[in-house]
């Protein structure tokens, strides 16, 4: 998909927001949802999405939506090292298929990093164990 076009209301994140697909939640308020990536690049990989916008990417996003997402990313990024004892955190955001985006609903990745441990590729990993995701989500949530 290109950087422009119509929002697809059947994308996986829209389905999660409507309750049609499950998600292991880390944090939620009236404007954002943070949940565990089921194909994590690293243990503790969290995705943050807007609940109020149909922006497909950062370029289309309303300023308040960007503020909501980034403030939540900041909170998650601070909680992750406390919860998982990681050495660093990568915060990523992709725009358009050529830019690496695979789900066309604006989202931010917060990915824990450890020295000496490589990070998996974006959207090419194996599906995580749901019980492991739930346990990790509980640890991150408790650190918020």
Protein backbone atom coordinates (compact mmCIF):
# COMPACT_ATOMS: atom_id res chain seq x y z
CA UNK A 1 0.00 0.00 0.00
CA UNK A 2 1.12 3.48 -0.74
CA UNK A 3 1.21 6.48 1.57
CA UNK A 4 -2.22 7.60 0.41
CA UNK A 5 -5.52 5.85 0.02
CA UNK A 6 -8.64 4.85 1.89
CA UNK A 7 -8.60 3.40 5.40
CA UNK A 8 -9.49 -0.31 5.47
CA UNK A 9 -11.90 -0.89 8.37
CA UNK A 10 -11.14 -4.61 8.20
CA UNK A 11 -7.45 -4.28 9.09
CA UNK A 12 -6.33 -6.38 12.06
CA UNK A 13 -6.02 -3.41 14.45
CA UNK A 14 -9.53 -2.17 13.61
CA UNK A 15 -10.78 -5.68 14.35
CA UNK A 16 -8.97 -5.65 17.70
CA UNK A 17 -10.55 -2.31 18.56
CA UNK A 18 -14.02 -3.67 17.73
CA UNK A 19 -13.38 -6.79 19.83
CA UNK A 20 -13.48 -9.08 16.80
CA UNK A 21 -9.91 -10.27 17.43
CA UNK A 22 -8.20 -10.79 20.79
CA UNK A 23 -5.30 -8.74 22.11
CA UNK A 24 -3.14 -9.01 25.21
CA UNK A 25 -3.54 -5.52 26.61
CA UNK A 26 -0.83 -3.61 28.42
CA UNK A 27 -2.58 -0.22 28.74
CA UNK A 28 -5.81 1.36 27.56
CA UNK A 29 -7.58 4.65 27.93
CA UNK A 30 -10.24 6.43 25.89
CA UNK A 31 -7.82 7.38 23.11
CA UNK A 32 -5.11 4.69 22.85
CA UNK A 33 -4.59 0.97 23.24
CA UNK A 34 -1.21 -0.64 23.95
CA UNK A 35 -0.97 -4.40 23.50
CA UNK A 36 1.58 -7.16 22.99
CA UNK A 37 2.74 -7.92 19.46
CA UNK A 38 1.89 -11.58 18.76
CA UNK A 39 4.84 -11.73 16.33
CA UNK A 40 7.39 -9.99 18.56
CA UNK A 41 10.80 -8.87 17.40
CA UNK A 42 11.92 -9.16 21.02
CA UNK A 43 10.40 -10.29 24.31
CA UNK A 44 8.11 -7.50 25.52
CA UNK A 45 7.38 -5.98 22.08
CA UNK A 46 4.40 -3.62 22.55
CA UNK A 47 2.23 -1.97 19.88
CA UNK A 48 0.39 1.31 20.49
CA UNK A 49 -2.59 2.34 18.36
CA UNK A 50 -5.11 5.13 18.30
CA UNK A 51 -8.68 4.26 19.21
CA UNK A 52 -10.08 7.48 17.74
CA UNK A 53 -8.34 7.96 14.39
CA UNK A 54 -8.49 6.25 11.04
CA UNK A 55 -5.09 7.58 10.02
CA UNK A 56 -3.20 4.86 8.19
CA UNK A 57 0.18 6.43 8.90
CA UNK A 58 1.96 9.30 10.63
CA UNK A 59 1.52 11.58 7.62
CA UNK A 60 -2.28 11.38 7.83
CA UNK A 61 -2.50 11.62 11.62
CA UNK A 62 -4.14 14.44 13.51
CA UNK A 63 -1.79 16.34 15.89
CA UNK A 64 -3.70 15.24 19.02
CA UNK A 65 -3.50 11.61 17.90
CA UNK A 66 0.28 11.88 17.51
CA UNK A 67 0.53 13.43 20.95
CA UNK A 68 -1.56 10.64 22.50
CA UNK A 69 0.49 7.93 20.80
CA UNK A 70 3.89 9.38 21.64
CA UNK A 71 3.04 10.14 25.27
CA UNK A 72 1.85 6.57 25.66
CA UNK A 73 4.97 5.27 23.88
CA UNK A 74 7.06 7.30 26.34
CA UNK A 75 5.22 5.76 29.31
CA UNK A 76 5.56 2.23 27.92
CA UNK A 77 9.24 2.82 27.07
CA UNK A 78 9.87 3.87 30.68
CA UNK A 79 7.99 0.87 32.11
CA UNK A 80 9.63 -1.77 29.92
CA UNK A 81 13.16 -1.56 31.42
CA UNK A 82 11.71 -1.55 34.94
CA UNK A 83 9.60 -4.63 34.13
CA UNK A 84 12.02 -6.61 31.98
CA UNK A 85 15.48 -5.40 33.01
CA UNK A 86 16.40 -4.66 29.40
CA UNK A 87 19.39 -2.54 28.38
CA UNK A 88 17.57 -0.28 25.92
CA UNK A 89 14.36 0.32 24.02
CA UNK A 90 13.76 0.84 20.30
CA UNK A 91 10.75 2.94 19.33
CA UNK A 92 9.74 2.44 15.70
CA UNK A 93 7.04 3.67 13.39
CA UNK A 94 6.68 2.66 9.71
CA UNK A 95 4.84 4.47 6.88
CA UNK A 96 3.70 2.80 3.66
CA UNK A 97 4.60 -0.66 2.40
CA UNK A 98 7.92 0.56 1.01
CA UNK A 99 8.68 1.98 4.47
CA UNK A 100 8.09 -1.40 6.13
CA UNK A 101 4.48 -0.92 7.26
CA UNK A 102 2.43 -4.12 7.24
CA UNK A 103 -0.76 -3.04 9.05
CA UNK A 104 -2.24 0.17 7.67
CA UNK A 105 -3.55 1.64 10.90
CA UNK A 106 -1.17 4.15 12.51
CA UNK A 107 0.87 2.41 15.20
CA UNK A 108 4.08 2.68 17.20
CA UNK A 109 6.35 -0.19 18.23
CA UNK A 110 8.13 -0.22 21.61
CA UNK A 111 10.74 -2.98 21.51
CA UNK A 112 12.94 -3.95 24.47
CA UNK A 113 16.63 -4.52 23.63
CA UNK A 114 19.41 -6.38 25.45
CA UNK A 115 23.14 -6.14 24.83
CA UNK A 116 24.29 -9.26 22.98
CA UNK A 117 20.77 -10.33 21.98
CA UNK A 118 19.72 -9.73 18.39
CA UNK A 119 16.29 -8.42 17.50
CA UNK A 120 14.06 -10.41 15.13
CA UNK A 121 12.87 -9.02 11.82
CA UNK A 122 9.72 -6.94 11.44
CA UNK A 123 6.70 -9.20 10.78
CA UNK A 124 8.76 -12.27 9.92
CA UNK A 125 9.05 -13.91 13.31
CA UNK A 126 7.14 -16.76 14.85
CA UNK A 127 3.96 -16.35 16.85
CA UNK A 128 4.52 -15.98 20.58
CA UNK A 129 2.92 -18.14 23.25
CA UNK A 130 -0.18 -16.30 24.52
CA UNK A 131 0.43 -17.25 28.16
CA UNK A 132 3.96 -15.82 27.91
CA UNK A 133 2.55 -12.61 26.39
CA UNK A 134 0.02 -12.32 29.21
CA UNK A 135 2.72 -12.72 31.86
CA UNK A 136 4.95 -10.13 30.18
CA UNK A 137 2.04 -7.72 29.71
CA UNK A 138 1.21 -7.99 33.42
CA UNK A 139 4.80 -7.13 34.34
CA UNK A 140 4.86 -4.09 32.04
CA UNK A 141 1.41 -2.94 33.20
CA UNK A 142 2.50 -3.17 36.84
CA UNK A 143 5.49 -0.93 36.06
CA UNK A 144 3.37 1.83 34.48
